[in-house]
Amino acid sequence: MTAPAEITDGLRRGVVSLPHGWGHDRPGTRLSHAATDPGVNVNQLLDGSQLDPLSGNAVLNGVPVEVAALTAPL
């Protein structure tokens, strides 16, 4: 996924904070208004197999990621 990045002293080194968007621009969503500012869908980072053992909800915290600079314009 592609998202804007900002380096800040407000987060601990090695931590990435990604506000949850819903990816409303994906094909078939039929949400034309929401698609104007869809955000990135954090769920795209997961394969659905990581679940919280107590609630059964998807794990959305503590997910390892790699961050790299975009080398070509969008």
PDB file of N, CA and C in Angstrom:
ATOM      1  N   MET A   1       0.829  -1.172   0.000  1.00  0.00           N
ATOM      2  CA  MET A   1       0.000   0.000   0.000  1.00  0.00           C
ATOM      3  C   MET A   1       0.871   1.231   0.000  1.00  0.00           C
ATOM      4  N   THR A   2       0.321   2.315  -0.428  1.00  0.00           N
ATOM      5  CA  THR A   2       1.033   3.585  -0.457  1.00  0.00           C
ATOM      6  C   THR A   2       0.297   4.582   0.430  1.00  0.00           C
ATOM      7  N   ALA A   3       1.045   5.222   1.318  1.00  0.00           N
ATOM      8  CA  ALA A   3       0.462   6.216   2.226  1.00  0.00           C
ATOM      9  C   ALA A   3       1.508   7.294   2.489  1.00  0.00           C
ATOM     10  N   PRO A   4       1.068   8.520   2.764  1.00  0.00           N
ATOM     11  CA  PRO A   4       2.038   9.565   3.116  1.00  0.00           C
ATOM     12  C   PRO A   4       2.715   9.230   4.440  1.00  0.00           C
ATOM     13  N   ALA A   5       3.954   9.678   4.591  1.00  0.00           N
ATOM     14  CA  ALA A   5       4.702   9.410   5.825  1.00  0.00           C
ATOM     15  C   ALA A   5       5.276  10.695   6.383  1.00  0.00           C
ATOM     16  N   GLU A   6       5.400  10.731   7.693  1.00  0.00           N
ATOM     17  CA  GLU A   6       5.997  11.867   8.387  1.00  0.00           C
ATOM     18  C   GLU A   6       6.837  11.321   9.524  1.00  0.00           C
ATOM     19  N   ILE A   7       8.074  11.740   9.614  1.00  0.00           N
ATOM     20  CA  ILE A   7       8.939  11.351  10.727  1.00  0.00           C
ATOM     21  C   ILE A   7       8.742  12.382  11.830  1.00  0.00           C
ATOM     22  N   THR A   8       8.495  11.896  13.056  1.00  0.00           N
ATOM     23  CA  THR A   8       8.193  12.800  14.166  1.00  0.00           C
ATOM     24  C   THR A   8       8.777  12.258  15.462  1.00  0.00           C
ATOM     25  N   ASP A   9       9.071  13.155  16.380  1.00  0.00           N
ATOM     26  CA  ASP A   9       9.526  12.756  17.712  1.00  0.00           C
ATOM     27  C   ASP A   9       8.361  12.274  18.575  1.00  0.00           C
ATOM     28  N   GLY A  10       7.142  12.389  18.062  1.00  0.00           N
ATOM     29  CA  GLY A  10       5.961  11.992  18.823  1.00  0.00           C
ATOM     30  C   GLY A  10       5.760  10.490  18.924  1.00  0.00           C
ATOM     31  N   LEU A  11       6.526   9.719  18.154  1.00  0.00           N
ATOM     32  CA  LEU A  11       6.441   8.261  18.208  1.00  0.00           C
ATOM     33  C   LEU A  11       7.808   7.677  18.528  1.00  0.00           C
ATOM     34  N   ARG A  12       7.793   6.561  19.200  1.00  0.00           N
ATOM     35  CA  ARG A  12       9.033   5.870  19.525  1.00  0.00           C
ATOM     36  C   ARG A  12       9.710   5.366  18.246  1.00  0.00           C
ATOM     37  N   ARG A  13      11.016   5.383  18.217  1.00  0.00           N
ATOM     38  CA  ARG A  13      11.769   4.893  17.068  1.00  0.00           C
ATOM     39  C   ARG A  13      11.344   3.453  16.749  1.00  0.00           C
ATOM     40  N   GLY A  14      11.098   3.184  15.485  1.00  0.00           N
ATOM     41  CA  GLY A  14      10.697   1.848  15.060  1.00  0.00           C
ATOM     42  C   GLY A  14       9.198   1.617  15.060  1.00  0.00           C
ATOM     43  N   VAL A  15       8.424   2.633  15.460  1.00  0.00           N
ATOM     44  CA  VAL A  15       6.969   2.506  15.513  1.00  0.00           C
ATOM     45  C   VAL A  15       6.346   3.229  14.331  1.00  0.00           C
ATOM     46  N   VAL A  16       5.371   2.594  13.707  1.00  0.00           N
ATOM     47  CA  VAL A  16       4.606   3.203  12.627  1.00  0.00           C
ATOM     48  C   VAL A  16       3.159   3.304  13.093  1.00  0.00           C
ATOM     49  N   SER A  17       2.586   4.476  12.967  1.00  0.00           N
ATOM     50  CA  SER A  17       1.176   4.674  13.298  1.00  0.00           C
ATOM     51  C   SER A  17       0.442   4.985  11.999  1.00  0.00           C
ATOM     52  N   LEU A  18      -0.513   4.156  11.649  1.00  0.00           N
ATOM     53  CA  LEU A  18      -1.258   4.328  10.404  1.00  0.00           C
ATOM     54  C   LEU A  18      -2.741   4.445  10.728  1.00  0.00           C
ATOM     55  N   PRO A  19      -3.308   5.647  10.585  1.00  0.00           N
ATOM     56  CA  PRO A  19      -4.747   5.786  10.807  1.00  0.00           C
ATOM     57  C   PRO A  19      -5.517   4.846   9.880  1.00  0.00           C
ATOM     58  N   HIS A  20      -6.542   4.247  10.388  1.00  0.00           N
ATOM     59  CA  HIS A  20      -7.296   3.257   9.620  1.00  0.00           C
ATOM     60  C   HIS A  20      -8.241   3.927   8.647  1.00  0.00           C
ATOM     61  N   GLY A  21      -8.019   3.672   7.394  1.00  0.00           N
ATOM     62  CA  GLY A  21      -8.975   4.044   6.348  1.00  0.00           C
ATOM     63  C   GLY A  21      -9.696   2.771   5.935  1.00  0.00           C
ATOM     64  N   TRP A  22     -10.594   2.875   5.044  1.00  0.00           N
ATOM     65  CA  TRP A  22     -11.375   1.696   4.691  1.00  0.00           C
ATOM     66  C   TRP A  22     -11.185   1.237   3.260  1.00  0.00           C
ATOM     67  N   GLY A  23     -10.348   1.933   2.478  1.00  0.00           N
ATOM     68  CA  GLY A  23     -10.105   1.507   1.111  1.00  0.00           C
ATOM     69  C   GLY A  23     -11.348   1.558   0.247  1.00  0.00           C
ATOM     70  N   HIS A  24     -12.162   2.598   0.439  1.00  0.00           N
ATOM     71  CA  HIS A  24     -13.422   2.693  -0.298  1.00  0.00           C
ATOM     72  C   HIS A  24     -13.251   2.901  -1.797  1.00  0.00           C
ATOM     73  N   ASP A  25     -11.998   2.961  -2.242  1.00  0.00           N
ATOM     74  CA  ASP A  25     -11.777   3.101  -3.677  1.00  0.00           C
ATOM     75  C   ASP A  25     -11.572   1.751  -4.359  1.00  0.00           C
ATOM     76  N   ARG A  26     -11.699   0.669  -3.639  1.00  0.00           N
ATOM     77  CA  ARG A  26     -11.518  -0.667  -4.219  1.00  0.00           C
ATOM     78  C   ARG A  26     -12.670  -0.993  -5.169  1.00  0.00           C
ATOM     79  N   PRO A  27     -12.388  -1.759  -6.210  1.00  0.00           N
ATOM     80  CA  PRO A  27     -13.426  -2.102  -7.180  1.00  0.00           C
ATOM     81  C   PRO A  27     -14.634  -2.770  -6.516  1.00  0.00           C
ATOM     82  N   GLY A  28     -15.812  -2.362  -6.931  1.00  0.00           N
ATOM     83  CA  GLY A  28     -17.045  -2.983  -6.451  1.00  0.00           C
ATOM     84  C   GLY A  28     -17.606  -2.423  -5.165  1.00  0.00           C
ATOM     85  N   THR A  29     -16.981  -1.398  -4.571  1.00  0.00           N
ATOM     86  CA  THR A  29     -17.485  -0.890  -3.291  1.00  0.00           C
ATOM     87  C   THR A  29     -18.737  -0.036  -3.447  1.00  0.00           C
ATOM     88  N   ARG A  30     -18.934   0.600  -4.577  1.00  0.00           N
ATOM     89  CA  ARG A  30     -20.107   1.419  -4.879  1.00  0.00           C
ATOM     90  C   ARG A  30     -20.347   2.505  -3.835  1.00  0.00           C
ATOM     91  N   LEU A  31     -19.265   3.104  -3.364  1.00  0.00           N
ATOM     92  CA  LEU A  31     -19.351   4.187  -2.380  1.00  0.00           C
ATOM     93  C   LEU A  31     -18.674   5.415  -2.970  1.00  0.00           C
ATOM     94  N   SER A  32     -19.330   6.043  -3.914  1.00  0.00           N
ATOM     95  CA  SER A  32     -18.696   7.116  -4.675  1.00  0.00           C
ATOM     96  C   SER A  32     -18.266   8.285  -3.794  1.00  0.00           C
ATOM     97  N   HIS A  33     -19.054   8.669  -2.798  1.00  0.00           N
ATOM     98  CA  HIS A  33     -18.664   9.789  -1.938  1.00  0.00           C
ATOM     99  C   HIS A  33     -17.463   9.408  -1.080  1.00  0.00           C
ATOM    100  N   ALA A  34     -17.505   8.249  -0.458  1.00  0.00           N
ATOM    101  CA  ALA A  34     -16.389   7.796   0.386  1.00  0.00           C
ATOM    102  C   ALA A  34     -15.125   7.584  -0.445  1.00  0.00           C
ATOM    103  N   ALA A  35     -15.273   7.234  -1.704  1.00  0.00           N
ATOM    104  CA  ALA A  35     -14.117   6.987  -2.565  1.00  0.00           C
ATOM    105  C   ALA A  35     -13.331   8.258  -2.868  1.00  0.00           C
ATOM    106  N   THR A  36     -13.896   9.434  -2.604  1.00  0.00           N
ATOM    107  CA  THR A  36     -13.165  10.675  -2.858  1.00  0.00           C
ATOM    108  C   THR A  36     -12.009  10.857  -1.876  1.00  0.00           C
ATOM    109  N   ASP A  37     -12.059  10.225  -0.703  1.00  0.00           N
ATOM    110  CA  ASP A  37     -10.969  10.255   0.271  1.00  0.00           C
ATOM    111  C   ASP A  37     -10.951   8.905   0.991  1.00  0.00           C
ATOM    112  N   PRO A  38     -10.526   7.851   0.305  1.00  0.00           N
ATOM    113  CA  PRO A  38     -10.705   6.504   0.813  1.00  0.00           C
ATOM    114  C   PRO A  38      -9.797   6.097   1.966  1.00  0.00           C
ATOM    115  N   GLY A  39      -8.629   6.691   2.071  1.00  0.00           N
ATOM    116  CA  GLY A  39      -7.673   6.221   3.066  1.00  0.00           C
ATOM    117  C   GLY A  39      -7.133   4.861   2.664  1.00  0.00           C
ATOM    118  N   VAL A  40      -6.134   4.391   3.380  1.00  0.00           N
ATOM    119  CA  VAL A  40      -5.598   3.058   3.108  1.00  0.00           C
ATOM    120  C   VAL A  40      -6.254   2.068   4.045  1.00  0.00           C
ATOM    121  N   ASN A  41      -6.440   0.868   3.583  1.00  0.00           N
ATOM    122  CA  ASN A  41      -7.110  -0.162   4.354  1.00  0.00           C
ATOM    123  C   ASN A  41      -6.063  -0.994   5.089  1.00  0.00           C
ATOM    124  N   VAL A  42      -5.938  -0.802   6.397  1.00  0.00           N
ATOM    125  CA  VAL A  42      -4.959  -1.528   7.204  1.00  0.00           C
ATOM    126  C   VAL A  42      -5.183  -3.031   7.096  1.00  0.00           C
ATOM    127  N   ASN A  43      -6.406  -3.453   6.888  1.00  0.00           N
ATOM    128  CA  ASN A  43      -6.683  -4.885   6.776  1.00  0.00           C
ATOM    129  C   ASN A  43      -5.930  -5.523   5.617  1.00  0.00           C
ATOM    130  N   GLN A  44      -5.510  -4.722   4.628  1.00  0.00           N
ATOM    131  CA  GLN A  44      -4.755  -5.250   3.498  1.00  0.00           C
ATOM    132  C   GLN A  44      -3.382  -5.761   3.923  1.00  0.00           C
ATOM    133  N   LEU A  45      -2.905  -5.362   5.110  1.00  0.00           N
ATOM    134  CA  LEU A  45      -1.617  -5.835   5.611  1.00  0.00           C
ATOM    135  C   LEU A  45      -1.711  -7.238   6.197  1.00  0.00           C
ATOM    136  N   LEU A  46      -2.898  -7.692   6.491  1.00  0.00           N
ATOM    137  CA  LEU A  46      -3.095  -8.963   7.181  1.00  0.00           C
ATOM    138  C   LEU A  46      -3.729  -9.992   6.258  1.00  0.00           C
ATOM    139  N   ASP A  47      -3.495 -11.249   6.537  1.00  0.00           N
ATOM    140  CA  ASP A  47      -4.101 -12.301   5.728  1.00  0.00           C
ATOM    141  C   ASP A  47      -5.348 -12.904   6.377  1.00  0.00           C
ATOM    142  N   GLY A  48      -5.747 -12.359   7.526  1.00  0.00           N
ATOM    143  CA  GLY A  48      -6.955 -12.842   8.199  1.00  0.00           C
ATOM    144  C   GLY A  48      -6.709 -13.974   9.182  1.00  0.00           C
ATOM    145  N   SER A  49      -5.481 -14.465   9.262  1.00  0.00           N
ATOM    146  CA  SER A  49      -5.208 -15.585  10.157  1.00  0.00           C
ATOM    147  C   SER A  49      -4.810 -15.149  11.563  1.00  0.00           C
ATOM    148  N   GLN A  50      -4.448 -13.877  11.748  1.00  0.00           N
ATOM    149  CA  GLN A  50      -4.049 -13.391  13.065  1.00  0.00           C
ATOM    150  C   GLN A  50      -5.271 -12.861  13.803  1.00  0.00           C
ATOM    151  N   LEU A  51      -5.716 -13.604  14.813  1.00  0.00           N
ATOM    152  CA  LEU A  51      -6.911 -13.232  15.558  1.00  0.00           C
ATOM    153  C   LEU A  51      -6.589 -13.102  17.038  1.00  0.00           C
ATOM    154  N   ASP A  52      -7.293 -12.198  17.705  1.00  0.00           N
ATOM    155  CA  ASP A  52      -7.196 -12.074  19.151  1.00  0.00           C
ATOM    156  C   ASP A  52      -7.830 -13.320  19.767  1.00  0.00           C
ATOM    157  N   PRO A  53      -7.123 -14.035  20.622  1.00  0.00           N
ATOM    158  CA  PRO A  53      -7.664 -15.293  21.145  1.00  0.00           C
ATOM    159  C   PRO A  53      -8.914 -15.146  22.011  1.00  0.00           C
ATOM    160  N   LEU A  54      -9.074 -13.991  22.678  1.00  0.00           N
ATOM    161  CA  LEU A  54     -10.233 -13.826  23.552  1.00  0.00           C
ATOM    162  C   LEU A  54     -11.487 -13.370  22.803  1.00  0.00           C
ATOM    163  N   SER A  55     -11.319 -12.426  21.887  1.00  0.00           N
ATOM    164  CA  SER A  55     -12.491 -11.865  21.210  1.00  0.00           C
ATOM    165  C   SER A  55     -12.737 -12.453  19.823  1.00  0.00           C
ATOM    166  N   GLY A  56     -11.698 -13.001  19.212  1.00  0.00           N
ATOM    167  CA  GLY A  56     -11.829 -13.490  17.847  1.00  0.00           C
ATOM    168  C   GLY A  56     -11.731 -12.385  16.808  1.00  0.00           C
ATOM    169  N   ASN A  57     -11.507 -11.145  17.250  1.00  0.00           N
ATOM    170  CA  ASN A  57     -11.358 -10.025  16.321  1.00  0.00           C
ATOM    171  C   ASN A  57      -9.993 -10.074  15.653  1.00  0.00           C
ATOM    172  N   ALA A  58      -9.907  -9.426  14.508  1.00  0.00           N
ATOM    173  CA  ALA A  58      -8.636  -9.351  13.800  1.00  0.00           C
ATOM    174  C   ALA A  58      -7.616  -8.571  14.614  1.00  0.00           C
ATOM    175  N   VAL A  59      -6.373  -9.008  14.581  1.00  0.00           N
ATOM    176  CA  VAL A  59      -5.282  -8.301  15.235  1.00  0.00           C
ATOM    177  C   VAL A  59      -4.902  -7.118  14.365  1.00  0.00           C
ATOM    178  N   LEU A  60      -4.965  -5.919  14.915  1.00  0.00           N
ATOM    179  CA  LEU A  60      -4.626  -4.708  14.169  1.00  0.00           C
ATOM    180  C   LEU A  60      -3.466  -3.957  14.795  1.00  0.00           C
ATOM    181  N   ASN A  61      -2.936  -4.433  15.898  1.00  0.00           N
ATOM    182  CA  ASN A  61      -1.828  -3.777  16.587  1.00  0.00           C
ATOM    183  C   ASN A  61      -0.646  -4.728  16.670  1.00  0.00           C
ATOM    184  N   GLY A  62       0.542  -4.172  16.642  1.00  0.00           N
ATOM    185  CA  GLY A  62       1.740  -4.993  16.769  1.00  0.00           C
ATOM    186  C   GLY A  62       2.031  -5.799  15.518  1.00  0.00           C
ATOM    187  N   VAL A  63       1.644  -5.292  14.374  1.00  0.00           N
ATOM    188  CA  VAL A  63       1.868  -5.990  13.118  1.00  0.00           C
ATOM    189  C   VAL A  63       3.184  -5.506  12.519  1.00  0.00           C
ATOM    190  N   PRO A  64       4.140  -6.404  12.264  1.00  0.00           N
ATOM    191  CA  PRO A  64       5.404  -5.955  11.671  1.00  0.00           C
ATOM    192  C   PRO A  64       5.196  -5.463  10.237  1.00  0.00           C
ATOM    193  N   VAL A  65       5.822  -4.342   9.909  1.00  0.00           N
ATOM    194  CA  VAL A  65       5.741  -3.784   8.557  1.00  0.00           C
ATOM    195  C   VAL A  65       7.125  -3.315   8.132  1.00  0.00           C
ATOM    196  N   GLU A  66       7.300  -3.120   6.848  1.00  0.00           N
ATOM    197  CA  GLU A  66       8.491  -2.490   6.296  1.00  0.00           C
ATOM    198  C   GLU A  66       8.050  -1.201   5.618  1.00  0.00           C
ATOM    199  N   VAL A  67       8.839  -0.151   5.804  1.00  0.00           N
ATOM    200  CA  VAL A  67       8.528   1.138   5.195  1.00  0.00           C
ATOM    201  C   VAL A  67       9.657   1.474   4.230  1.00  0.00           C
ATOM    202  N   ALA A  68       9.279   1.884   3.035  1.00  0.00           N
ATOM    203  CA  ALA A  68      10.269   2.259   2.021  1.00  0.00           C
ATOM    204  C   ALA A  68       9.787   3.493   1.284  1.00  0.00           C
ATOM    205  N   ALA A  69      10.730   4.279   0.821  1.00  0.00           N
ATOM    206  CA  ALA A  69      10.380   5.464   0.038  1.00  0.00           C
ATOM    207  C   ALA A  69       9.837   5.029  -1.323  1.00  0.00           C
ATOM    208  N   LEU A  70       8.861   5.755  -1.808  1.00  0.00           N
ATOM    209  CA  LEU A  70       8.313   5.500  -3.128  1.00  0.00           C
ATOM    210  C   LEU A  70       9.336   5.986  -4.157  1.00  0.00           C
ATOM    211  N   THR A  71       9.705   5.117  -5.083  1.00  0.00           N
ATOM    212  CA  THR A  71      10.750   5.479  -6.027  1.00  0.00           C
ATOM    213  C   THR A  71      10.230   6.022  -7.342  1.00  0.00           C
ATOM    214  N   ALA A  72       8.948   5.860  -7.586  1.00  0.00           N
ATOM    215  CA  ALA A  72       8.360   6.381  -8.822  1.00  0.00           C
ATOM    216  C   ALA A  72       7.095   7.156  -8.482  1.00  0.00           C
ATOM    217  N   PRO A  73       6.774   8.206  -9.223  1.00  0.00           N
ATOM    218  CA  PRO A  73       5.556   8.969  -8.930  1.00  0.00           C
ATOM    219  C   PRO A  73       4.315   8.114  -9.172  1.00  0.00           C
ATOM    220  N   LEU A  74       3.255   8.421  -8.426  1.00  0.00           N
ATOM    221  CA  LEU A  74       1.990   7.685  -8.575  1.00  0.00           C
ATOM    222  C   LEU A  74       1.325   8.018  -9.881  1.00  0.00           C
TER     223      LEU A  74
END
